[in-house]
Amino acid sequence: MIERIPLRRYGRPEEIASVVAFLLSADSSYMTGEVLHAAGGARL
């Protein structure tokens, strides 16, 4: 599975947490209808 991820590693919990924190913050207040993939580039 690692070979299919361009960054060649799994995401660390703190990396996923930072995405969640962004979505919960005012910084994402103007975003609508987006899909964010925290997948190390695996969905490119």
PDB file of N, CA and C in Angstrom:
ATOM      1  N   MET A   1       0.811  -1.193   0.000  1.00  0.00           N
ATOM      2  CA  MET A   1       0.000   0.000   0.000  1.00  0.00           C
ATOM      3  C   MET A   1       0.862   1.268   0.000  1.00  0.00           C
ATOM      4  N   ILE A   2       1.945   1.253   0.741  1.00  0.00           N
ATOM      5  CA  ILE A   2       2.825   2.423   0.811  1.00  0.00           C
ATOM      6  C   ILE A   2       3.318   2.829  -0.583  1.00  0.00           C
ATOM      7  N   GLU A   3       3.560   1.882  -1.446  1.00  0.00           N
ATOM      8  CA  GLU A   3       4.069   2.185  -2.782  1.00  0.00           C
ATOM      9  C   GLU A   3       3.072   3.010  -3.597  1.00  0.00           C
ATOM     10  N   ARG A   4       1.797   2.944  -3.246  1.00  0.00           N
ATOM     11  CA  ARG A   4       0.763   3.679  -3.974  1.00  0.00           C
ATOM     12  C   ARG A   4       0.585   5.106  -3.471  1.00  0.00           C
ATOM     13  N   ILE A   5       1.236   5.444  -2.359  1.00  0.00           N
ATOM     14  CA  ILE A   5       1.150   6.785  -1.786  1.00  0.00           C
ATOM     15  C   ILE A   5       2.373   7.577  -2.253  1.00  0.00           C
ATOM     16  N   PRO A   6       2.171   8.680  -2.993  1.00  0.00           N
ATOM     17  CA  PRO A   6       3.321   9.440  -3.488  1.00  0.00           C
ATOM     18  C   PRO A   6       4.306   9.892  -2.410  1.00  0.00           C
ATOM     19  N   LEU A   7       3.848  10.187  -1.211  1.00  0.00           N
ATOM     20  CA  LEU A   7       4.770  10.589  -0.146  1.00  0.00           C
ATOM     21  C   LEU A   7       5.459   9.406   0.518  1.00  0.00           C
ATOM     22  N   ARG A   8       5.079   8.186   0.155  1.00  0.00           N
ATOM     23  CA  ARG A   8       5.708   6.948   0.624  1.00  0.00           C
ATOM     24  C   ARG A   8       5.641   6.748   2.137  1.00  0.00           C
ATOM     25  N   ARG A   9       4.557   7.255   2.749  1.00  0.00           N
ATOM     26  CA  ARG A   9       4.366   7.026   4.177  1.00  0.00           C
ATOM     27  C   ARG A   9       2.901   7.274   4.504  1.00  0.00           C
ATOM     28  N   TYR A  10       2.470   6.748   5.631  1.00  0.00           N
ATOM     29  CA  TYR A  10       1.125   7.012   6.123  1.00  0.00           C
ATOM     30  C   TYR A  10       1.114   8.366   6.832  1.00  0.00           C
ATOM     31  N   GLY A  11      -0.029   8.975   6.872  1.00  0.00           N
ATOM     32  CA  GLY A  11      -0.168  10.242   7.575  1.00  0.00           C
ATOM     33  C   GLY A  11      -0.073  10.041   9.075  1.00  0.00           C
ATOM     34  N   ARG A  12       0.521  11.029   9.731  1.00  0.00           N
ATOM     35  CA  ARG A  12       0.611  10.998  11.191  1.00  0.00           C
ATOM     36  C   ARG A  12      -0.665  11.593  11.778  1.00  0.00           C
ATOM     37  N   PRO A  13      -1.064  11.165  12.949  1.00  0.00           N
ATOM     38  CA  PRO A  13      -2.290  11.686  13.566  1.00  0.00           C
ATOM     39  C   PRO A  13      -2.327  13.205  13.635  1.00  0.00           C
ATOM     40  N   GLU A  14      -1.207  13.833  13.922  1.00  0.00           N
ATOM     41  CA  GLU A  14      -1.193  15.292  14.012  1.00  0.00           C
ATOM     42  C   GLU A  14      -1.422  15.969  12.662  1.00  0.00           C
ATOM     43  N   GLU A  15      -1.070  15.280  11.574  1.00  0.00           N
ATOM     44  CA  GLU A  15      -1.335  15.829  10.247  1.00  0.00           C
ATOM     45  C   GLU A  15      -2.831  15.816   9.941  1.00  0.00           C
ATOM     46  N   ILE A  16      -3.488  14.746  10.324  1.00  0.00           N
ATOM     47  CA  ILE A  16      -4.940  14.672  10.139  1.00  0.00           C
ATOM     48  C   ILE A  16      -5.626  15.660  11.065  1.00  0.00           C
ATOM     49  N   ALA A  17      -5.136  15.775  12.299  1.00  0.00           N
ATOM     50  CA  ALA A  17      -5.709  16.710  13.262  1.00  0.00           C
ATOM     51  C   ALA A  17      -5.614  18.148  12.763  1.00  0.00           C
ATOM     52  N   SER A  18      -4.535  18.498  12.083  1.00  0.00           N
ATOM     53  CA  SER A  18      -4.406  19.869  11.588  1.00  0.00           C
ATOM     54  C   SER A  18      -5.414  20.170  10.489  1.00  0.00           C
ATOM     55  N   VAL A  19      -5.753  19.173   9.685  1.00  0.00           N
ATOM     56  CA  VAL A  19      -6.799  19.353   8.675  1.00  0.00           C
ATOM     57  C   VAL A  19      -8.146  19.562   9.357  1.00  0.00           C
ATOM     58  N   VAL A  20      -8.429  18.765  10.362  1.00  0.00           N
ATOM     59  CA  VAL A  20      -9.682  18.904  11.111  1.00  0.00           C
ATOM     60  C   VAL A  20      -9.736  20.257  11.798  1.00  0.00           C
ATOM     61  N   ALA A  21      -8.632  20.684  12.394  1.00  0.00           N
ATOM     62  CA  ALA A  21      -8.588  21.987  13.067  1.00  0.00           C
ATOM     63  C   ALA A  21      -8.855  23.113  12.078  1.00  0.00           C
ATOM     64  N   PHE A  22      -8.308  23.014  10.885  1.00  0.00           N
ATOM     65  CA  PHE A  22      -8.573  24.018   9.853  1.00  0.00           C
ATOM     66  C   PHE A  22     -10.053  24.069   9.516  1.00  0.00           C
ATOM     67  N   LEU A  23     -10.664  22.903   9.321  1.00  0.00           N
ATOM     68  CA  LEU A  23     -12.080  22.868   8.959  1.00  0.00           C
ATOM     69  C   LEU A  23     -12.971  23.417  10.064  1.00  0.00           C
ATOM     70  N   LEU A  24     -12.543  23.286  11.304  1.00  0.00           N
ATOM     71  CA  LEU A  24     -13.309  23.796  12.429  1.00  0.00           C
ATOM     72  C   LEU A  24     -13.043  25.273  12.718  1.00  0.00           C
ATOM     73  N   SER A  25     -12.047  25.836  12.070  1.00  0.00           N
ATOM     74  CA  SER A  25     -11.662  27.215  12.354  1.00  0.00           C
ATOM     75  C   SER A  25     -12.392  28.207  11.449  1.00  0.00           C
ATOM     76  N   ALA A  26     -12.259  29.464  11.803  1.00  0.00           N
ATOM     77  CA  ALA A  26     -12.832  30.544  10.981  1.00  0.00           C
ATOM     78  C   ALA A  26     -12.128  30.646   9.631  1.00  0.00           C
ATOM     79  N   ASP A  27     -10.914  30.119   9.514  1.00  0.00           N
ATOM     80  CA  ASP A  27     -10.186  30.166   8.240  1.00  0.00           C
ATOM     81  C   ASP A  27     -10.902  29.428   7.116  1.00  0.00           C
ATOM     82  N   SER A  28     -11.750  28.482   7.465  1.00  0.00           N
ATOM     83  CA  SER A  28     -12.470  27.731   6.430  1.00  0.00           C
ATOM     84  C   SER A  28     -13.916  28.195   6.285  1.00  0.00           C
ATOM     85  N   SER A  29     -14.259  29.325   6.878  1.00  0.00           N
ATOM     86  CA  SER A  29     -15.659  29.765   6.908  1.00  0.00           C
ATOM     87  C   SER A  29     -16.237  30.073   5.530  1.00  0.00           C
ATOM     88  N   TYR A  30     -15.418  30.375   4.549  1.00  0.00           N
ATOM     89  CA  TYR A  30     -15.924  30.714   3.216  1.00  0.00           C
ATOM     90  C   TYR A  30     -15.907  29.515   2.270  1.00  0.00           C
ATOM     91  N   MET A  31     -15.485  28.377   2.736  1.00  0.00           N
ATOM     92  CA  MET A  31     -15.447  27.170   1.902  1.00  0.00           C
ATOM     93  C   MET A  31     -16.830  26.529   1.844  1.00  0.00           C
ATOM     94  N   THR A  32     -17.219  26.110   0.662  1.00  0.00           N
ATOM     95  CA  THR A  32     -18.479  25.384   0.493  1.00  0.00           C
ATOM     96  C   THR A  32     -18.282  24.276  -0.534  1.00  0.00           C
ATOM     97  N   GLY A  33     -18.851  23.128  -0.260  1.00  0.00           N
ATOM     98  CA  GLY A  33     -18.869  22.039  -1.231  1.00  0.00           C
ATOM     99  C   GLY A  33     -17.530  21.490  -1.654  1.00  0.00           C
ATOM    100  N   GLU A  34     -16.557  21.506  -0.799  1.00  0.00           N
ATOM    101  CA  GLU A  34     -15.230  20.992  -1.139  1.00  0.00           C
ATOM    102  C   GLU A  34     -14.998  19.630  -0.506  1.00  0.00           C
ATOM    103  N   VAL A  35     -14.174  18.848  -1.146  1.00  0.00           N
ATOM    104  CA  VAL A  35     -13.726  17.574  -0.592  1.00  0.00           C
ATOM    105  C   VAL A  35     -12.218  17.680  -0.430  1.00  0.00           C
ATOM    106  N   LEU A  36     -11.762  17.526   0.787  1.00  0.00           N
ATOM    107  CA  LEU A  36     -10.327  17.562   1.055  1.00  0.00           C
ATOM    108  C   LEU A  36      -9.844  16.147   1.320  1.00  0.00           C
ATOM    109  N   HIS A  37      -8.750  15.788   0.662  1.00  0.00           N
ATOM    110  CA  HIS A  37      -8.179  14.456   0.850  1.00  0.00           C
ATOM    111  C   HIS A  37      -6.835  14.605   1.551  1.00  0.00           C
ATOM    112  N   ALA A  38      -6.768  14.182   2.781  1.00  0.00           N
ATOM    113  CA  ALA A  38      -5.493  14.157   3.504  1.00  0.00           C
ATOM    114  C   ALA A  38      -4.928  12.752   3.318  1.00  0.00           C
ATOM    115  N   ALA A  39      -4.385  12.517   2.131  1.00  0.00           N
ATOM    116  CA  ALA A  39      -3.990  11.164   1.750  1.00  0.00           C
ATOM    117  C   ALA A  39      -2.576  11.087   1.186  1.00  0.00           C
ATOM    118  N   GLY A  40      -1.758  12.087   1.443  1.00  0.00           N
ATOM    119  CA  GLY A  40      -0.377  12.038   0.964  1.00  0.00           C
ATOM    120  C   GLY A  40      -0.235  12.003  -0.550  1.00  0.00           C
ATOM    121  N   GLY A  41      -1.257  12.460  -1.243  1.00  0.00           N
ATOM    122  CA  GLY A  41      -1.224  12.476  -2.700  1.00  0.00           C
ATOM    123  C   GLY A  41      -1.777  11.210  -3.333  1.00  0.00           C
ATOM    124  N   ALA A  42      -2.283  10.284  -2.559  1.00  0.00           N
ATOM    125  CA  ALA A  42      -2.757   9.009  -3.090  1.00  0.00           C
ATOM    126  C   ALA A  42      -3.982   9.171  -3.995  1.00  0.00           C
ATOM    127  N   ARG A  43      -4.655  10.281  -3.927  1.00  0.00           N
ATOM    128  CA  ARG A  43      -5.850  10.494  -4.745  1.00  0.00           C
ATOM    129  C   ARG A  43      -5.610  11.399  -5.928  1.00  0.00           C
ATOM    130  N   LEU A  44      -4.369  11.666  -6.271  1.00  0.00           N
ATOM    131  CA  LEU A  44      -4.062  12.533  -7.418  1.00  0.00           C
ATOM    132  C   LEU A  44      -4.471  11.886  -8.704  1.00  0.00           C
TER     133      LEU A  44
END
